[in-house]
C-alpha atoms as a PDB file:
ATOM      1  CA  MET A   1      99.089  95.616  28.500  1.00  0.00           C
ATOM      2  CA  ALA A   2     101.594  98.424  27.921  1.00  0.00           C
ATOM      3  CA  GLU A   3     104.528  96.052  28.346  1.00  0.00           C
ATOM      4  CA  SER A   4     102.963  93.682  25.799  1.00  0.00           C
ATOM      5  CA  GLY A   5     102.175  96.450  23.320  1.00  0.00           C
ATOM      6  CA  LEU A   6      98.414  95.973  23.708  1.00  0.00           C
ATOM      7  CA  LYS A   7      95.712  98.642  23.580  1.00  0.00           C
ATOM      8  CA  ALA A   8      92.039  98.481  24.487  1.00  0.00           C
ATOM      9  CA  LYS A   9      89.335  98.838  21.841  1.00  0.00           C
ATOM     10  CA  TYR A  10      86.082 100.580  22.754  1.00  0.00           C
ATOM     11  CA  SER A  11      82.656 100.255  21.229  1.00  0.00           C
ATOM     12  CA  CYS A  12      81.239 103.769  21.112  1.00  0.00           C
ATOM     13  CA  LYS A  13      77.765 102.522  20.292  1.00  0.00           C
ATOM     14  CA  LYS A  14      77.636 100.272  23.343  1.00  0.00           C
ATOM     15  CA  HIS A  15      79.144 102.948  25.561  1.00  0.00           C
ATOM     16  CA  ASN A  16      76.504 105.466  24.516  1.00  0.00           C
ATOM     17  CA  ARG A  17      73.665 103.101  25.422  1.00  0.00           C
ATOM     18  CA  TYR A  18      75.270 102.469  28.820  1.00  0.00           C
ATOM     19  CA  SER A  19      75.705 106.193  29.468  1.00  0.00           C
ATOM     20  CA  LYS A  20      72.007 106.850  28.844  1.00  0.00           C
ATOM     21  CA  ALA A  21      70.961 104.168  31.349  1.00  0.00           C
ATOM     22  CA  TYR A  22      73.599 105.385  33.795  1.00  0.00           C
ATOM     23  CA  LYS A  23      72.264 108.952  33.740  1.00  0.00           C
ATOM     24  CA  GLU A  24      68.807 107.760  34.714  1.00  0.00           C
ATOM     25  CA  SER A  25      70.178 106.844  38.144  1.00  0.00           C
ATOM     26  CA  PHE A  26      71.630 110.285  38.908  1.00  0.00           C
ATOM     27  CA  HIS A  27      70.258 112.191  41.905  1.00  0.00           C
ATOM     28  CA  PRO A  28      70.095 116.022  41.996  1.00  0.00           C
ATOM     29  CA  ASN A  29      72.781 118.033  43.742  1.00  0.00           C
ATOM     30  CA  TYR A  30      70.673 119.071  46.738  1.00  0.00           C
ATOM     31  CA  LEU A  31      73.757 120.014  48.763  1.00  0.00           C
ATOM     32  CA  ASN A  32      74.779 122.695  46.241  1.00  0.00           C
ATOM     33  CA  ARG A  33      78.070 123.370  48.073  1.00  0.00           C
ATOM     34  CA  GLU A  34      76.311 124.443  51.280  1.00  0.00           C
ATOM     35  CA  PHE A  35      78.990 122.953  53.513  1.00  0.00           C
ATOM     36  CA  ASP A  36      78.106 124.840  56.721  1.00  0.00           C
ATOM     37  CA  VAL A  37      75.313 123.133  58.670  1.00  0.00           C
ATOM     38  CA  ASN A  38      73.927 123.822  62.146  1.00  0.00           C
ATOM     39  CA  GLN A  39      73.130 120.360  63.477  1.00  0.00           C
ATOM     40  CA  LYS A  40      74.797 116.982  63.569  1.00  0.00           C
ATOM     41  CA  ASN A  41      73.369 114.253  61.351  1.00  0.00           C
ATOM     42  CA  GLU A  42      71.892 116.847  59.003  1.00  0.00           C
ATOM     43  CA  VAL A  43      74.274 116.167  56.092  1.00  0.00           C
ATOM     44  CA  TRP A  44      76.775 113.374  55.562  1.00  0.00           C
ATOM     45  CA  VAL A  45      79.258 113.464  52.698  1.00  0.00           C
ATOM     46  CA  GLY A  46      81.053 110.383  51.421  1.00  0.00           C
ATOM     47  CA  ASP A  47      83.743 109.307  48.999  1.00  0.00           C
ATOM     48  CA  ILE A  48      86.066 106.444  48.082  1.00  0.00           C
ATOM     49  CA  THR A  49      89.831 106.687  47.896  1.00  0.00           C
ATOM     50  CA  TYR A  50      92.591 104.135  47.368  1.00  0.00           C
ATOM     51  CA  ILE A  51      95.385 103.057  49.700  1.00  0.00           C
ATOM     52  CA  PRO A  52      98.434 101.545  47.954  1.00  0.00           C
ATOM     53  CA  THR A  53     100.115  98.471  49.449  1.00  0.00           C
ATOM     54  CA  LYS A  54     102.704  96.067  48.072  1.00  0.00           C
ATOM     55  CA  GLU A  55      99.956  93.440  47.977  1.00  0.00           C
ATOM     56  CA  GLY A  56      97.667  95.639  45.870  1.00  0.00           C
ATOM     57  CA  TYR A  57      95.241  98.498  46.441  1.00  0.00           C
ATOM     58  CA  GLU A  58      92.900  98.763  49.394  1.00  0.00           C
ATOM     59  CA  TYR A  59      89.832 100.953  48.868  1.00  0.00           C
ATOM     60  CA  LEU A  60      88.579 103.164  51.691  1.00  0.00           C
ATOM     61  CA  MET A  61      85.001 104.472  51.892  1.00  0.00           C
ATOM     62  CA  VAL A  62      84.400 107.245  54.418  1.00  0.00           C
ATOM     63  CA  TYR A  63      81.367 109.290  55.483  1.00  0.00           C
ATOM     64  CA  LEU A  64      81.828 112.625  57.274  1.00  0.00           C
ATOM     65  CA  ASP A  65      79.238 114.662  59.171  1.00  0.00           C
ATOM     66  CA  LEU A  66      79.456 118.200  57.761  1.00  0.00           C
ATOM     67  CA  PHE A  67      78.529 119.674  61.154  1.00  0.00           C
ATOM     68  CA  SER A  68      81.594 118.434  63.030  1.00  0.00           C
ATOM     69  CA  ARG A  69      83.708 116.953  60.204  1.00  0.00           C
ATOM     70  CA  LYS A  70      83.636 113.723  62.221  1.00  0.00           C
ATOM     71  CA  VAL A  71      84.032 110.372  60.486  1.00  0.00           C
ATOM     72  CA  VAL A  72      80.671 108.774  61.223  1.00  0.00           C
ATOM     73  CA  GLY A  73      81.229 105.573  59.251  1.00  0.00           C
ATOM     74  CA  TRP A  74      83.835 103.876  57.113  1.00  0.00           C
ATOM     75  CA  SER A  75      84.850 100.594  55.518  1.00  0.00           C
ATOM     76  CA  ILE A  76      87.947  99.303  53.778  1.00  0.00           C
ATOM     77  CA  ASN A  77      88.270  96.423  51.340  1.00  0.00           C
ATOM     78  CA  ARG A  78      90.213  95.213  48.328  1.00  0.00           C
ATOM     79  CA  HIS A  79      87.263  95.638  45.967  1.00  0.00           C
ATOM     80  CA  LEU A  80      85.210  98.550  44.632  1.00  0.00           C
ATOM     81  CA  LEU A  81      81.856  96.809  44.610  1.00  0.00           C
ATOM     82  CA  GLU A  82      78.649  98.340  46.002  1.00  0.00           C
ATOM     83  CA  GLN A  83      79.177  96.456  49.283  1.00  0.00           C
ATOM     84  CA  LEU A  84      81.998  98.859  50.162  1.00  0.00           C
ATOM     85  CA  ALA A  85      79.568 101.795  50.239  1.00  0.00           C
ATOM     86  CA  ILE A  86      76.820  99.759  51.897  1.00  0.00           C
ATOM     87  CA  ASP A  87      79.148  98.645  54.702  1.00  0.00           C
ATOM     88  CA  ALA A  88      80.363 102.196  55.339  1.00  0.00           C
ATOM     89  CA  VAL A  89      76.954 103.846  55.400  1.00  0.00           C
ATOM     90  CA  SER A  90      75.579 100.990  57.532  1.00  0.00           C
ATOM     91  CA  ASP A  91      78.417 101.628  59.978  1.00  0.00           C
ATOM     92  CA  ALA A  92      77.409 105.302  60.086  1.00  0.00           C
ATOM     93  CA  PHE A  93      73.720 104.543  60.667  1.00  0.00           C
ATOM     94  CA  ASN A  94      74.576 102.071  63.440  1.00  0.00           C
ATOM     95  CA  ARG A  95      76.847 104.553  65.203  1.00  0.00           C
ATOM     96  CA  GLU A  96      74.736 107.689  64.850  1.00  0.00           C
ATOM     97  CA  ASP A  97      71.134 106.445  64.584  1.00  0.00           C
ATOM     98  CA  PRO A  98      70.047 109.709  62.899  1.00  0.00           C
ATOM     99  CA  GLU A  99      66.499 110.957  62.663  1.00  0.00           C
ATOM    100  CA  GLY A 100      64.694 111.169  59.318  1.00  0.00           C
ATOM    101  CA  GLY A 101      65.554 113.842  56.784  1.00  0.00           C
ATOM    102  CA  LEU A 102      69.300 113.224  56.668  1.00  0.00           C
ATOM    103  CA  MET A 103      71.006 114.111  53.373  1.00  0.00           C
ATOM    104  CA  VAL A 104      73.719 111.703  52.167  1.00  0.00           C
ATOM    105  CA  HIS A 105      75.896 113.342  49.503  1.00  0.00           C
ATOM    106  CA  THR A 106      78.415 111.570  47.241  1.00  0.00           C
ATOM    107  CA  ASP A 107      79.709 111.740  43.691  1.00  0.00           C
ATOM    108  CA  ARG A 108      78.147 109.735  40.859  1.00  0.00           C
ATOM    109  CA  GLY A 109      80.090 106.528  41.437  1.00  0.00           C
ATOM    110  CA  ALA A 110      78.371 103.309  40.426  1.00  0.00           C
ATOM    111  CA  GLN A 111      78.464 102.109  44.049  1.00  0.00           C
ATOM    112  CA  PHE A 112      76.071 104.928  45.022  1.00  0.00           C
ATOM    113  CA  MET A 113      73.556 104.180  42.300  1.00  0.00           C
ATOM    114  CA  SER A 114      72.986 100.526  43.064  1.00  0.00           C
ATOM    115  CA  ASP A 115      69.483  99.409  44.010  1.00  0.00           C
ATOM    116  CA  ARG A 116      70.627  97.987  47.344  1.00  0.00           C
ATOM    117  CA  TYR A 117      72.415 101.182  48.370  1.00  0.00           C
ATOM    118  CA  ASN A 118      69.482 103.387  47.400  1.00  0.00           C
ATOM    119  CA  ALA A 119      67.002 101.118  49.181  1.00  0.00           C
ATOM    120  CA  LEU A 120      69.070 101.243  52.381  1.00  0.00           C
ATOM    121  CA  ILE A 121      69.236 105.044  52.368  1.00  0.00           C
ATOM    122  CA  LYS A 122      65.491 105.302  51.774  1.00  0.00           C
ATOM    123  CA  ARG A 123      64.685 102.714  54.453  1.00  0.00           C
ATOM    124  CA  LYS A 124      66.598 104.781  57.001  1.00  0.00           C
ATOM    125  CA  GLY A 125      64.523 107.866  56.215  1.00  0.00           C
ATOM    126  CA  ALA A 126      67.402 109.661  54.461  1.00  0.00           C
ATOM    127  CA  PHE A 127      67.782 110.910  50.901  1.00  0.00           C
ATOM    128  CA  ILE A 128      70.625 111.038  48.379  1.00  0.00           C
ATOM    129  CA  SER A 129      72.340 114.050  46.851  1.00  0.00           C
ATOM    130  CA  MET A 130      75.019 113.777  44.153  1.00  0.00           C
ATOM    131  CA  SER A 131      77.739 116.031  42.795  1.00  0.00           C
ATOM    132  CA  ARG A 132      77.564 117.144  39.222  1.00  0.00           C
ATOM    133  CA  GLY A 133      79.529 115.065  36.754  1.00  0.00           C
ATOM    134  CA  GLY A 134      83.291 115.625  36.888  1.00  0.00           C
ATOM    135  CA  ASN A 135      82.979 118.326  39.548  1.00  0.00           C
ATOM    136  CA  PRO A 136      85.036 117.504  42.686  1.00  0.00           C
ATOM    137  CA  TRP A 137      84.316 120.950  44.196  1.00  0.00           C
ATOM    138  CA  ASP A 138      80.725 119.830  44.808  1.00  0.00           C
ATOM    139  CA  ASN A 139      82.177 117.483  47.446  1.00  0.00           C
ATOM    140  CA  ALA A 140      85.073 119.656  48.546  1.00  0.00           C
ATOM    141  CA  VAL A 141      84.996 118.688  52.242  1.00  0.00           C
ATOM    142  CA  MET A 142      85.453 115.010  51.387  1.00  0.00           C
ATOM    143  CA  GLU A 143      88.192 115.859  48.910  1.00  0.00           C
ATOM    144  CA  ALA A 144      89.968 117.774  51.678  1.00  0.00           C
ATOM    145  CA  PHE A 145      89.684 114.796  54.046  1.00  0.00           C
ATOM    146  CA  ASN A 146      91.167 112.438  51.459  1.00  0.00           C
ATOM    147  CA  LYS A 147      94.008 114.870  50.827  1.00  0.00           C
ATOM    148  CA  SER A 148      94.775 115.092  54.546  1.00  0.00           C
ATOM    149  CA  LEU A 149      94.661 111.327  54.950  1.00  0.00           C
ATOM    150  CA  LYS A 150      96.994 110.795  52.002  1.00  0.00           C
ATOM    151  CA  SER A 151      99.495 113.359  53.271  1.00  0.00           C
ATOM    152  CA  GLU A 152      99.409 112.203  56.906  1.00  0.00           C
ATOM    153  CA  VAL A 153      99.184 108.426  56.541  1.00  0.00           C
ATOM    154  CA  VAL A 154      99.981 107.265  53.007  1.00  0.00           C
ATOM    155  CA  ASP A 155     103.470 107.395  51.497  1.00  0.00           C
ATOM    156  CA  LYS A 156     103.137 106.727  47.766  1.00  0.00           C
ATOM    157  CA  LYS A 157     106.885 106.191  47.390  1.00  0.00           C
ATOM    158  CA  HIS A 158     106.883 103.598  50.168  1.00  0.00           C
ATOM    159  CA  PRO A 159     103.528 101.742  50.159  1.00  0.00           C
ATOM    160  CA  PHE A 160     102.422  99.640  53.099  1.00  0.00           C
ATOM    161  CA  GLU A 161     104.077  96.225  53.086  1.00  0.00           C
ATOM    162  CA  THR A 162     100.780  94.385  53.583  1.00  0.00           C
ATOM    163  CA  ARG A 163      97.049  95.002  53.440  1.00  0.00           C
ATOM    164  CA  ASP A 164      96.783  94.288  57.157  1.00  0.00           C
ATOM    165  CA  LEU A 165      99.286  97.044  57.987  1.00  0.00           C
ATOM    166  CA  ALA A 166      97.327  99.484  55.822  1.00  0.00           C
ATOM    167  CA  ARG A 167      94.062  98.626  57.557  1.00  0.00           C
ATOM    168  CA  LYS A 168      95.635  98.996  60.979  1.00  0.00           C
ATOM    169  CA  ALA A 169      97.068 102.396  60.042  1.00  0.00           C
ATOM    170  CA  ILE A 170      93.705 103.611  58.726  1.00  0.00           C
ATOM    171  CA  PHE A 171      91.916 102.436  61.883  1.00  0.00           C
ATOM    172  CA  GLU A 172      94.422 104.211  64.118  1.00  0.00           C
ATOM    173  CA  TYR A 173      94.244 107.399  62.045  1.00  0.00           C
ATOM    174  CA  ILE A 174      90.435 107.644  62.068  1.00  0.00           C
ATOM    175  CA  GLU A 175      89.512 106.274  65.477  1.00  0.00           C
ATOM    176  CA  MET A 176      92.522 107.271  67.564  1.00  0.00           C
ATOM    177  CA  PHE A 177      93.696 110.500  65.934  1.00  0.00           C
ATOM    178  CA  TYR A 178      91.349 112.159  63.427  1.00  0.00           C
ATOM    179  CA  ASN A 179      88.076 112.033  65.372  1.00  0.00           C
ATOM    180  CA  PRO A 180      89.328 112.614  68.941  1.00  0.00           C
ATOM    181  CA  ILE A 181      92.522 114.656  68.466  1.00  0.00           C
ATOM    182  CA  ARG A 182      93.059 116.293  65.056  1.00  0.00           C
ATOM    183  CA  LEU A 183      92.290 120.023  65.171  1.00  0.00           C
ATOM    184  CA  HIS A 184      90.275 121.781  62.449  1.00  0.00           C
ATOM    185  CA  SER A 185      90.377 125.485  61.670  1.00  0.00           C
ATOM    186  CA  ALA A 186      86.718 125.247  60.547  1.00  0.00           C
ATOM    187  CA  LEU A 187      85.831 124.050  64.068  1.00  0.00           C
ATOM    188  CA  GLY A 188      87.698 126.788  65.928  1.00  0.00           C
ATOM    189  CA  TYR A 189      90.741 124.531  66.239  1.00  0.00           C
ATOM    190  CA  LYS A 190      88.909 121.759  68.022  1.00  0.00           C
ATOM    191  CA  SER A 191      88.723 118.082  67.179  1.00  0.00           C
ATOM    192  CA  PRO A 192      85.454 116.690  65.780  1.00  0.00           C
ATOM    193  CA  ILE A 193      84.582 114.876  69.019  1.00  0.00           C
ATOM    194  CA  GLU A 194      85.509 117.882  71.160  1.00  0.00           C
ATOM    195  CA  PHE A 195      83.403 120.152  68.937  1.00  0.00           C
ATOM    196  CA  GLU A 196      80.370 117.865  69.231  1.00  0.00           C
ATOM    197  CA  LYS A 197      80.725 117.631  73.012  1.00  0.00           C
ATOM    198  CA  MET A 198      80.968 121.401  73.291  1.00  0.00           C
ATOM    199  CA  HIS A 199      77.846 121.837  71.157  1.00  0.00           C
ATOM    200  CA  PHE A 200      75.939 119.158  73.097  1.00  0.00           C
ATOM    201  CA  ASN A 201      76.823 120.651  76.473  1.00  0.00           C
ATOM    202  CA  SER A 202      75.847 124.100  75.231  1.00  0.00           C
ATOM    203  CA  SER A 203      72.483 122.754  74.053  1.00  0.00           C
ATOM    204  CA  ILE A 204      71.824 121.078  77.420  1.00  0.00           C
ATOM    205  CA  TYR A 205      72.657 124.331  79.212  1.00  0.00           C
ATOM    206  CA  SER A 206      70.297 126.409  77.066  1.00  0.00           C
ATOM    207  CA  MET A 207      67.408 123.955  77.533  1.00  0.00           C
ATOM    208  CA  CYS A 208      67.565 123.759  81.345  1.00  0.00           C
ATOM    209  CA  PRO A 209      65.750 126.743  83.018  1.00  0.00           C
ATOM    210  CA  THR A 210      66.683 127.891  86.500  1.00  0.00           C
ATOM    211  CA  ASN A 211      64.128 128.987  89.113  1.00  0.00           C
ATOM    212  CA  GLY A 212      64.425 132.544  87.865  1.00  0.00           C
ATOM    213  CA  GLY A 213      63.318 131.558  84.377  1.00  0.00           C
ATOM    214  CA  GLN A 214      66.761 132.062  82.857  1.00  0.00           C
ATOM    215  CA  SER A 215      68.778 129.373  81.132  1.00  0.00           C
ATOM    216  CA  GLY A 216      71.179 127.481  83.359  1.00  0.00           C
ATOM    217  CA  ILE A 217      72.372 124.099  84.571  1.00  0.00           C
ATOM    218  CA  LEU A 218      69.758 121.679  85.879  1.00  0.00           C
ATOM    219  CA  THR A 219      70.932 119.961  89.068  1.00  0.00           C
ATOM    220  CA  LEU A 220      69.367 116.715  90.270  1.00  0.00           C
ATOM    221  CA  TRP A 221      69.709 115.715  93.944  1.00  0.00           C
ATOM    222  CA  VAL A 222      69.361 111.993  94.683  1.00  0.00           C
ATOM    223  CA  ASP A 223      69.141 110.515  98.213  1.00  0.00           C
END
């Protein structure tokens, strides 16, 4: 449009009616920037970012568990439709199988206000929290993840040659580096998977009483 000297015209009246209906779908900000949680699958945060390729943009939807900063679910596609968010959160539910009461926090993107997305969250026994309008700090942990991903994987000056190469790079970053290897200062310089294993082993230890009534390791002998 710029090359052709064209500019878009907007109908303020129509936009105002749309904004009113849009606001009716907003969820409260239950998270309220409380980014430190004590248990896994207590709070997930999610966001969409774009990955440039020479064949066009790929859009990446990621959900993180605030407890371990682990990527619990993600999806990548060439469109920004609601299915992108549904696929990613479905991936997270399938992997983690969380108990009821989970909070799922995102911004106010249209993908997160669709009927299908909301119905899925509710059916899984979870509830939705949303950032305030135009306030990226309300989802700061996700913003930090996207920044790290862009700096460690994406080169804006030299985009991926193809969509397939971009998808392969994202898979390798999340599944082979970020979750099992990448160290986080917030986790005591452990990777998300290592941090979860340490917490799980510690929980098992504290729940297994020894003969003296003190906490210890439970040993099973099998003939």
